Amino acid sequence: MMNVYVDNMKRQMEILNLIVGFELIAVGILYLILSNIESAVSWSIFGCMYIVMDKYSVLEKMSSNRKLIEFIKYLAAWLGCIMSTVFLIYVATML
């Protein structure tokens, strides 16, 4: 019985991490609209990190939409990598 509860909790955490990650990316987009590039990139990178953060959990205990979830996490990881690289170059040139 406890195993079912833990499995259900892990699935819910996976969904919550995705939602929070997308919300943080949305905050970044809002900062971009306000022309605050530094905050926009920081919040968006944080959102991408949030999306991929449970990537290291036991995959068998996660949701049944594994391929879609893995694809979203793969894209978020690349997006975070690209944004952080561009942000690093941007900040380095500002010094």
PDB file of N, CA and C in Angstrom:
ATOM      1  N   MET A   1       0.816  -1.187   0.000  1.00  0.00           N
ATOM      2  CA  MET A   1       0.000   0.000   0.000  1.00  0.00           C
ATOM      3  C   MET A   1       0.868   1.262   0.000  1.00  0.00           C
ATOM      4  N   MET A   2       1.914   1.278   0.789  1.00  0.00           N
ATOM      5  CA  MET A   2       2.796   2.435   0.859  1.00  0.00           C
ATOM      6  C   MET A   2       3.513   2.650  -0.467  1.00  0.00           C
ATOM      7  N   ASN A   3       3.837   1.560  -1.177  1.00  0.00           N
ATOM      8  CA  ASN A   3       4.498   1.659  -2.471  1.00  0.00           C
ATOM      9  C   ASN A   3       3.643   2.404  -3.479  1.00  0.00           C
ATOM     10  N   VAL A   4       2.350   2.148  -3.485  1.00  0.00           N
ATOM     11  CA  VAL A   4       1.428   2.821  -4.397  1.00  0.00           C
ATOM     12  C   VAL A   4       1.384   4.311  -4.081  1.00  0.00           C
ATOM     13  N   TYR A   5       1.372   4.652  -2.814  1.00  0.00           N
ATOM     14  CA  TYR A   5       1.361   6.058  -2.395  1.00  0.00           C
ATOM     15  C   TYR A   5       2.632   6.768  -2.860  1.00  0.00           C
ATOM     16  N   VAL A   6       3.774   6.130  -2.684  1.00  0.00           N
ATOM     17  CA  VAL A   6       5.052   6.729  -3.079  1.00  0.00           C
ATOM     18  C   VAL A   6       5.110   6.888  -4.594  1.00  0.00           C
ATOM     19  N   ASP A   7       4.651   5.876  -5.342  1.00  0.00           N
ATOM     20  CA  ASP A   7       4.640   5.965  -6.798  1.00  0.00           C
ATOM     21  C   ASP A   7       3.745   7.103  -7.267  1.00  0.00           C
ATOM     22  N   ASN A   8       2.575   7.237  -6.661  1.00  0.00           N
ATOM     23  CA  ASN A   8       1.652   8.314  -7.016  1.00  0.00           C
ATOM     24  C   ASN A   8       2.264   9.674  -6.701  1.00  0.00           C
ATOM     25  N   MET A   9       2.938   9.774  -5.569  1.00  0.00           N
ATOM     26  CA  MET A   9       3.577  11.021  -5.188  1.00  0.00           C
ATOM     27  C   MET A   9       4.676  11.394  -6.191  1.00  0.00           C
ATOM     28  N   LYS A  10       5.447  10.427  -6.664  1.00  0.00           N
ATOM     29  CA  LYS A  10       6.507  10.703  -7.635  1.00  0.00           C
ATOM     30  C   LYS A  10       5.927  11.182  -8.956  1.00  0.00           C
ATOM     31  N   ARG A  11       4.801  10.608  -9.370  1.00  0.00           N
ATOM     32  CA  ARG A  11       4.147  11.065 -10.601  1.00  0.00           C
ATOM     33  C   ARG A  11       3.656  12.504 -10.444  1.00  0.00           C
ATOM     34  N   GLN A  12       3.078  12.795  -9.291  1.00  0.00           N
ATOM     35  CA  GLN A  12       2.602  14.162  -9.047  1.00  0.00           C
ATOM     36  C   GLN A  12       3.761  15.149  -9.012  1.00  0.00           C
ATOM     37  N   MET A  13       4.869  14.763  -8.424  1.00  0.00           N
ATOM     38  CA  MET A  13       6.045  15.629  -8.377  1.00  0.00           C
ATOM     39  C   MET A  13       6.570  15.898  -9.779  1.00  0.00           C
ATOM     40  N   GLU A  14       6.540  14.890 -10.625  1.00  0.00           N
ATOM     41  CA  GLU A  14       6.993  15.063 -12.002  1.00  0.00           C
ATOM     42  C   GLU A  14       6.137  16.116 -12.706  1.00  0.00           C
ATOM     43  N   ILE A  15       4.836  16.026 -12.561  1.00  0.00           N
ATOM     44  CA  ILE A  15       3.921  16.976 -13.189  1.00  0.00           C
ATOM     45  C   ILE A  15       4.110  18.371 -12.599  1.00  0.00           C
ATOM     46  N   LEU A  16       4.238  18.452 -11.278  1.00  0.00           N
ATOM     47  CA  LEU A  16       4.451  19.745 -10.630  1.00  0.00           C
ATOM     48  C   LEU A  16       5.758  20.394 -11.079  1.00  0.00           C
ATOM     49  N   ASN A  17       6.813  19.609 -11.229  1.00  0.00           N
ATOM     50  CA  ASN A  17       8.086  20.152 -11.693  1.00  0.00           C
ATOM     51  C   ASN A  17       7.954  20.719 -13.107  1.00  0.00           C
ATOM     52  N   LEU A  18       7.205  20.038 -13.959  1.00  0.00           N
ATOM     53  CA  LEU A  18       6.987  20.549 -15.310  1.00  0.00           C
ATOM     54  C   LEU A  18       6.209  21.867 -15.280  1.00  0.00           C
ATOM     55  N   ILE A  19       5.150  21.912 -14.492  1.00  0.00           N
ATOM     56  CA  ILE A  19       4.330  23.125 -14.411  1.00  0.00           C
ATOM     57  C   ILE A  19       5.152  24.293 -13.887  1.00  0.00           C
ATOM     58  N   VAL A  20       5.862  24.083 -12.789  1.00  0.00           N
ATOM     59  CA  VAL A  20       6.670  25.160 -12.205  1.00  0.00           C
ATOM     60  C   VAL A  20       7.748  25.606 -13.199  1.00  0.00           C
ATOM     61  N   GLY A  21       8.364  24.664 -13.878  1.00  0.00           N
ATOM     62  CA  GLY A  21       9.391  25.004 -14.863  1.00  0.00           C
ATOM     63  C   GLY A  21       8.847  25.888 -15.970  1.00  0.00           C
ATOM     64  N   PHE A  22       7.684  25.529 -16.514  1.00  0.00           N
ATOM     65  CA  PHE A  22       7.085  26.343 -17.572  1.00  0.00           C
ATOM     66  C   PHE A  22       6.652  27.703 -17.048  1.00  0.00           C
ATOM     67  N   GLU A  23       6.185  27.759 -15.803  1.00  0.00           N
ATOM     68  CA  GLU A  23       5.818  29.048 -15.222  1.00  0.00           C
ATOM     69  C   GLU A  23       7.037  29.950 -15.051  1.00  0.00           C
ATOM     70  N   LEU A  24       8.156  29.381 -14.652  1.00  0.00           N
ATOM     71  CA  LEU A  24       9.375  30.176 -14.501  1.00  0.00           C
ATOM     72  C   LEU A  24       9.876  30.671 -15.857  1.00  0.00           C
ATOM     73  N   ILE A  25       9.745  29.860 -16.888  1.00  0.00           N
ATOM     74  CA  ILE A  25      10.103  30.306 -18.234  1.00  0.00           C
ATOM     75  C   ILE A  25       9.182  31.445 -18.657  1.00  0.00           C
ATOM     76  N   ALA A  26       7.898  31.345 -18.308  1.00  0.00           N
ATOM     77  CA  ALA A  26       6.951  32.418 -18.617  1.00  0.00           C
ATOM     78  C   ALA A  26       7.344  33.711 -17.898  1.00  0.00           C
ATOM     79  N   VAL A  27       7.806  33.612 -16.648  1.00  0.00           N
ATOM     80  CA  VAL A  27       8.292  34.792 -15.929  1.00  0.00           C
ATOM     81  C   VAL A  27       9.461  35.411 -16.694  1.00  0.00           C
ATOM     82  N   GLY A  28      10.345  34.546 -17.192  1.00  0.00           N
ATOM     83  CA  GLY A  28      11.465  35.039 -17.992  1.00  0.00           C
ATOM     84  C   GLY A  28      10.996  35.771 -19.237  1.00  0.00           C
ATOM     85  N   ILE A  29       9.986  35.250 -19.894  1.00  0.00           N
ATOM     86  CA  ILE A  29       9.444  35.914 -21.080  1.00  0.00           C
ATOM     87  C   ILE A  29       8.848  37.273 -20.714  1.00  0.00           C
ATOM     88  N   LEU A  30       8.170  37.336 -19.575  1.00  0.00           N
ATOM     89  CA  LEU A  30       7.613  38.619 -19.130  1.00  0.00           C
ATOM     90  C   LEU A  30       8.720  39.636 -18.857  1.00  0.00           C
ATOM     91  N   TYR A  31       9.815  39.186 -18.253  1.00  0.00           N
ATOM     92  CA  TYR A  31      10.942  40.091 -18.041  1.00  0.00           C
ATOM     93  C   TYR A  31      11.548  40.531 -19.371  1.00  0.00           C
ATOM     94  N   LEU A  32      11.534  39.650 -20.356  1.00  0.00           N
ATOM     95  CA  LEU A  32      12.049  40.003 -21.672  1.00  0.00           C
ATOM     96  C   LEU A  32      11.189  41.110 -22.298  1.00  0.00           C
ATOM     97  N   ILE A  33       9.881  41.023 -22.110  1.00  0.00           N
ATOM     98  CA  ILE A  33       8.975  42.060 -22.602  1.00  0.00           C
ATOM     99  C   ILE A  33       9.294  43.398 -21.936  1.00  0.00           C
ATOM    100  N   LEU A  34       9.713  43.340 -20.666  1.00  0.00           N
ATOM    101  CA  LEU A  34      10.080  44.555 -19.935  1.00  0.00           C
ATOM    102  C   LEU A  34      11.503  45.020 -20.260  1.00  0.00           C
ATOM    103  N   SER A  35      12.142  44.355 -21.209  1.00  0.00           N
ATOM    104  CA  SER A  35      13.511  44.674 -21.652  1.00  0.00           C
ATOM    105  C   SER A  35      14.555  44.481 -20.560  1.00  0.00           C
ATOM    106  N   ASN A  36      14.319  43.555 -19.666  1.00  0.00           N
ATOM    107  CA  ASN A  36      15.298  43.220 -18.636  1.00  0.00           C
ATOM    108  C   ASN A  36      15.912  41.879 -19.016  1.00  0.00           C
ATOM    109  N   ILE A  37      16.907  41.929 -19.896  1.00  0.00           N
ATOM    110  CA  ILE A  37      17.481  40.707 -20.469  1.00  0.00           C
ATOM    111  C   ILE A  37      18.096  39.819 -19.407  1.00  0.00           C
ATOM    112  N   GLU A  38      18.815  40.417 -18.460  1.00  0.00           N
ATOM    113  CA  GLU A  38      19.489  39.614 -17.433  1.00  0.00           C
ATOM    114  C   GLU A  38      18.494  38.800 -16.617  1.00  0.00           C
ATOM    115  N   SER A  39      17.437  39.425 -16.167  1.00  0.00           N
ATOM    116  CA  SER A  39      16.427  38.707 -15.384  1.00  0.00           C
ATOM    117  C   SER A  39      15.685  37.699 -16.251  1.00  0.00           C
ATOM    118  N   ALA A  40      15.417  38.055 -17.492  1.00  0.00           N
ATOM    119  CA  ALA A  40      14.706  37.153 -18.400  1.00  0.00           C
ATOM    120  C   ALA A  40      15.475  35.851 -18.583  1.00  0.00           C
ATOM    121  N   VAL A  41      16.759  35.974 -18.851  1.00  0.00           N
ATOM    122  CA  VAL A  41      17.568  34.772 -19.066  1.00  0.00           C
ATOM    123  C   VAL A  41      17.715  33.986 -17.767  1.00  0.00           C
ATOM    124  N   SER A  42      17.931  34.676 -16.655  1.00  0.00           N
ATOM    125  CA  SER A  42      18.092  33.979 -15.373  1.00  0.00           C
ATOM    126  C   SER A  42      16.853  33.164 -15.012  1.00  0.00           C
ATOM    127  N   TRP A  43      15.677  33.775 -15.130  1.00  0.00           N
ATOM    128  CA  TRP A  43      14.451  33.060 -14.796  1.00  0.00           C
ATOM    129  C   TRP A  43      14.189  31.918 -15.767  1.00  0.00           C
ATOM    130  N   SER A  44      14.481  32.122 -17.044  1.00  0.00           N
ATOM    131  CA  SER A  44      14.249  31.067 -18.027  1.00  0.00           C
ATOM    132  C   SER A  44      15.186  29.880 -17.817  1.00  0.00           C
ATOM    133  N   ILE A  45      16.442  30.171 -17.516  1.00  0.00           N
ATOM    134  CA  ILE A  45      17.390  29.082 -17.231  1.00  0.00           C
ATOM    135  C   ILE A  45      16.944  28.325 -15.984  1.00  0.00           C
ATOM    136  N   PHE A  46      16.516  29.044 -14.972  1.00  0.00           N
ATOM    137  CA  PHE A  46      16.021  28.404 -13.757  1.00  0.00           C
ATOM    138  C   PHE A  46      14.818  27.519 -14.076  1.00  0.00           C
ATOM    139  N   GLY A  47      13.927  27.988 -14.937  1.00  0.00           N
ATOM    140  CA  GLY A  47      12.768  27.181 -15.353  1.00  0.00           C
ATOM    141  C   GLY A  47      13.189  25.911 -16.063  1.00  0.00           C
ATOM    142  N   CYS A  48      14.171  26.016 -16.941  1.00  0.00           N
ATOM    143  CA  CYS A  48      14.675  24.824 -17.639  1.00  0.00           C
ATOM    144  C   CYS A  48      15.287  23.834 -16.654  1.00  0.00           C
ATOM    145  N   MET A  49      16.013  24.351 -15.684  1.00  0.00           N
ATOM    146  CA  MET A  49      16.593  23.469 -14.668  1.00  0.00           C
ATOM    147  C   MET A  49      15.500  22.754 -13.891  1.00  0.00           C
ATOM    148  N   TYR A  50      14.437  23.460 -13.594  1.00  0.00           N
ATOM    149  CA  TYR A  50      13.334  22.877 -12.840  1.00  0.00           C
ATOM    150  C   TYR A  50      12.668  21.749 -13.623  1.00  0.00           C
ATOM    151  N   ILE A  51      12.555  21.938 -14.934  1.00  0.00           N
ATOM    152  CA  ILE A  51      11.925  20.913 -15.775  1.00  0.00           C
ATOM    153  C   ILE A  51      12.746  19.632 -15.785  1.00  0.00           C
ATOM    154  N   VAL A  52      14.051  19.746 -15.863  1.00  0.00           N
ATOM    155  CA  VAL A  52      14.882  18.541 -15.960  1.00  0.00           C
ATOM    156  C   VAL A  52      15.347  18.017 -14.611  1.00  0.00           C
ATOM    157  N   MET A  53      14.982  18.668 -13.512  1.00  0.00           N
ATOM    158  CA  MET A  53      15.537  18.303 -12.218  1.00  0.00           C
ATOM    159  C   MET A  53      15.181  16.890 -11.757  1.00  0.00           C
ATOM    160  N   ASP A  54      14.026  16.355 -12.116  1.00  0.00           N
ATOM    161  CA  ASP A  54      13.699  15.001 -11.679  1.00  0.00           C
ATOM    162  C   ASP A  54      14.133  13.959 -12.704  1.00  0.00           C
ATOM    163  N   LYS A  55      14.944  14.369 -13.645  1.00  0.00           N
ATOM    164  CA  LYS A  55      15.486  13.466 -14.661  1.00  0.00           C
ATOM    165  C   LYS A  55      16.263  12.320 -14.016  1.00  0.00           C
ATOM    166  N   TYR A  56      16.750  12.539 -12.838  1.00  0.00           N
ATOM    167  CA  TYR A  56      17.605  11.553 -12.188  1.00  0.00           C
ATOM    168  C   TYR A  56      16.840  10.645 -11.245  1.00  0.00           C
ATOM    169  N   SER A  57      15.519  10.719 -11.280  1.00  0.00           N
ATOM    170  CA  SER A  57      14.691   9.834 -10.466  1.00  0.00           C
ATOM    171  C   SER A  57      14.568   8.472 -11.137  1.00  0.00           C
ATOM    172  N   VAL A  58      13.992   7.531 -10.427  1.00  0.00           N
ATOM    173  CA  VAL A  58      13.782   6.192 -10.971  1.00  0.00           C
ATOM    174  C   VAL A  58      12.694   6.277 -12.036  1.00  0.00           C
ATOM    175  N   LEU A  59      13.045   5.997 -13.282  1.00  0.00           N
ATOM    176  CA  LEU A  59      12.128   6.194 -14.396  1.00  0.00           C
ATOM    177  C   LEU A  59      10.920   5.266 -14.358  1.00  0.00           C
ATOM    178  N   GLU A  60      11.061   4.093 -13.787  1.00  0.00           N
ATOM    179  CA  GLU A  60       9.942   3.147 -13.747  1.00  0.00           C
ATOM    180  C   GLU A  60       8.804   3.654 -12.868  1.00  0.00           C
ATOM    181  N   LYS A  61       9.099   4.564 -11.980  1.00  0.00           N
ATOM    182  CA  LYS A  61       8.093   5.060 -11.043  1.00  0.00           C
ATOM    183  C   LYS A  61       7.429   6.338 -11.540  1.00  0.00           C
ATOM    184  N   MET A  62       7.764   6.772 -12.743  1.00  0.00           N
ATOM    185  CA  MET A  62       7.237   8.018 -13.259  1.00  0.00           C
ATOM    186  C   MET A  62       5.991   7.781 -14.099  1.00  0.00           C
ATOM    187  N   SER A  63       5.512   8.814 -14.750  1.00  0.00           N
ATOM    188  CA  SER A  63       4.250   8.741 -15.479  1.00  0.00           C
ATOM    189  C   SER A  63       4.325   7.811 -16.682  1.00  0.00           C
ATOM    190  N   SER A  64       3.154   7.469 -17.195  1.00  0.00           N
ATOM    191  CA  SER A  64       3.079   6.542 -18.326  1.00  0.00           C
ATOM    192  C   SER A  64       3.388   7.245 -19.649  1.00  0.00           C
ATOM    193  N   ASN A  65       3.391   8.561 -19.686  1.00  0.00           N
ATOM    194  CA  ASN A  65       3.721   9.318 -20.898  1.00  0.00           C
ATOM    195  C   ASN A  65       5.222   9.569 -20.969  1.00  0.00           C
ATOM    196  N   ARG A  66       5.990   8.537 -20.760  1.00  0.00           N
ATOM    197  CA  ARG A  66       7.435   8.648 -20.615  1.00  0.00           C
ATOM    198  C   ARG A  66       8.108   9.306 -21.816  1.00  0.00           C
ATOM    199  N   LYS A  67       7.715   8.944 -23.029  1.00  0.00           N
ATOM    200  CA  LYS A  67       8.382   9.492 -24.213  1.00  0.00           C
ATOM    201  C   LYS A  67       8.161  10.992 -24.333  1.00  0.00           C
ATOM    202  N   LEU A  68       6.937  11.441 -24.093  1.00  0.00           N
ATOM    203  CA  LEU A  68       6.639  12.873 -24.165  1.00  0.00           C
ATOM    204  C   LEU A  68       7.384  13.636 -23.074  1.00  0.00           C
ATOM    205  N   ILE A  69       7.361  13.099 -21.863  1.00  0.00           N
ATOM    206  CA  ILE A  69       8.050  13.755 -20.746  1.00  0.00           C
ATOM    207  C   ILE A  69       9.550  13.831 -21.014  1.00  0.00           C
ATOM    208  N   GLU A  70      10.131  12.753 -21.487  1.00  0.00           N
ATOM    209  CA  GLU A  70      11.568  12.735 -21.773  1.00  0.00           C
ATOM    210  C   GLU A  70      11.915  13.717 -22.887  1.00  0.00           C
ATOM    211  N   PHE A  71      11.046  13.828 -23.900  1.00  0.00           N
ATOM    212  CA  PHE A  71      11.284  14.764 -24.994  1.00  0.00           C
ATOM    213  C   PHE A  71      11.236  16.205 -24.487  1.00  0.00           C
ATOM    214  N   ILE A  72      10.265  16.524 -23.646  1.00  0.00           N
ATOM    215  CA  ILE A  72      10.167  17.871 -23.066  1.00  0.00           C
ATOM    216  C   ILE A  72      11.416  18.180 -22.246  1.00  0.00           C
ATOM    217  N   LYS A  73      11.859  17.221 -21.460  1.00  0.00           N
ATOM    218  CA  LYS A  73      13.044  17.428 -20.629  1.00  0.00           C
ATOM    219  C   LYS A  73      14.298  17.580 -21.483  1.00  0.00           C
ATOM    220  N   TYR A  74      14.363  16.825 -22.572  1.00  0.00           N
ATOM    221  CA  TYR A  74      15.499  16.922 -23.492  1.00  0.00           C
ATOM    222  C   TYR A  74      15.555  18.321 -24.110  1.00  0.00           C
ATOM    223  N   LEU A  75      14.400  18.812 -24.575  1.00  0.00           N
ATOM    224  CA  LEU A  75      14.350  20.160 -25.150  1.00  0.00           C
ATOM    225  C   LEU A  75      14.680  21.224 -24.107  1.00  0.00           C
ATOM    226  N   ALA A  76      14.174  21.052 -22.897  1.00  0.00           N
ATOM    227  CA  ALA A  76      14.455  22.025 -21.835  1.00  0.00           C
ATOM    228  C   ALA A  76      15.940  22.035 -21.477  1.00  0.00           C
ATOM    229  N   ALA A  77      16.561  20.874 -21.480  1.00  0.00           N
ATOM    230  CA  ALA A  77      17.994  20.807 -21.186  1.00  0.00           C
ATOM    231  C   ALA A  77      18.794  21.553 -22.251  1.00  0.00           C
ATOM    232  N   TRP A  78      18.451  21.354 -23.515  1.00  0.00           N
ATOM    233  CA  TRP A  78      19.132  22.066 -24.603  1.00  0.00           C
ATOM    234  C   TRP A  78      18.867  23.559 -24.544  1.00  0.00           C
ATOM    235  N   LEU A  79      17.620  23.932 -24.280  1.00  0.00           N
ATOM    236  CA  LEU A  79      17.270  25.348 -24.186  1.00  0.00           C
ATOM    237  C   LEU A  79      18.049  26.009 -23.053  1.00  0.00           C
ATOM    238  N   GLY A  80      18.103  25.362 -21.899  1.00  0.00           N
ATOM    239  CA  GLY A  80      18.867  25.889 -20.774  1.00  0.00           C
ATOM    240  C   GLY A  80      20.346  26.005 -21.089  1.00  0.00           C
ATOM    241  N   CYS A  81      20.886  25.022 -21.777  1.00  0.00           N
ATOM    242  CA  CYS A  81      22.304  25.044 -22.152  1.00  0.00           C
ATOM    243  C   CYS A  81      22.595  26.189 -23.115  1.00  0.00           C
ATOM    244  N   ILE A  82      21.759  26.346 -24.115  1.00  0.00           N
ATOM    245  CA  ILE A  82      21.964  27.411 -25.102  1.00  0.00           C
ATOM    246  C   ILE A  82      21.824  28.785 -24.446  1.00  0.00           C
ATOM    247  N   MET A  83      20.775  28.955 -23.649  1.00  0.00           N
ATOM    248  CA  MET A  83      20.576  30.253 -23.000  1.00  0.00           C
ATOM    249  C   MET A  83      21.706  30.586 -22.041  1.00  0.00           C
ATOM    250  N   SER A  84      22.168  29.601 -21.274  1.00  0.00           N
ATOM    251  CA  SER A  84      23.240  29.896 -20.321  1.00  0.00           C
ATOM    252  C   SER A  84      24.551  30.204 -21.041  1.00  0.00           C
ATOM    253  N   THR A  85      24.802  29.558 -22.174  1.00  0.00           N
ATOM    254  CA  THR A  85      26.008  29.843 -22.944  1.00  0.00           C
ATOM    255  C   THR A  85      25.958  31.252 -23.529  1.00  0.00           C
ATOM    256  N   VAL A  86      24.819  31.600 -24.127  1.00  0.00           N
ATOM    257  CA  VAL A  86      24.664  32.945 -24.689  1.00  0.00           C
ATOM    258  C   VAL A  86      24.735  33.994 -23.581  1.00  0.00           C
ATOM    259  N   PHE A  87      24.120  33.702 -22.442  1.00  0.00           N
ATOM    260  CA  PHE A  87      24.144  34.639 -21.316  1.00  0.00           C
ATOM    261  C   PHE A  87      25.566  34.831 -20.799  1.00  0.00           C
ATOM    262  N   LEU A  88      26.334  33.755 -20.734  1.00  0.00           N
ATOM    263  CA  LEU A  88      27.727  33.856 -20.299  1.00  0.00           C
ATOM    264  C   LEU A  88      28.513  34.761 -21.235  1.00  0.00           C
ATOM    265  N   ILE A  89      28.324  34.577 -22.532  1.00  0.00           N
ATOM    266  CA  ILE A  89      29.032  35.417 -23.520  1.00  0.00           C
ATOM    267  C   ILE A  89      28.581  36.871 -23.378  1.00  0.00           C
ATOM    268  N   TYR A  90      27.281  37.072 -23.199  1.00  0.00           N
ATOM    269  CA  TYR A  90      26.730  38.428 -23.039  1.00  0.00           C
ATOM    270  C   TYR A  90      27.326  39.118 -21.815  1.00  0.00           C
ATOM    271  N   VAL A  91      27.346  38.425 -20.693  1.00  0.00           N
ATOM    272  CA  VAL A  91      27.877  39.028 -19.463  1.00  0.00           C
ATOM    273  C   VAL A  91      29.379  39.257 -19.586  1.00  0.00           C
ATOM    274  N   ALA A  92      30.095  38.324 -20.204  1.00  0.00           N
ATOM    275  CA  ALA A  92      31.540  38.449 -20.361  1.00  0.00           C
ATOM    276  C   ALA A  92      31.886  39.647 -21.236  1.00  0.00           C
ATOM    277  N   THR A  93      31.079  39.938 -22.235  1.00  0.00           N
ATOM    278  CA  THR A  93      31.361  41.089 -23.088  1.00  0.00           C
ATOM    279  C   THR A  93      30.986  42.415 -22.422  1.00  0.00           C
ATOM    280  N   MET A  94      30.147  42.357 -21.410  1.00  0.00           N
ATOM    281  CA  MET A  94      29.754  43.566 -20.690  1.00  0.00           C
ATOM    282  C   MET A  94      30.835  44.014 -19.707  1.00  0.00           C
ATOM    283  N   LEU A  95      31.741  43.108 -19.343  1.00  0.00           N
ATOM    284  CA  LEU A  95      32.771  43.447 -18.346  1.00  0.00           C
ATOM    285  C   LEU A  95      33.769  44.364 -18.920  1.00  0.00           C
TER     286      LEU A  95
END
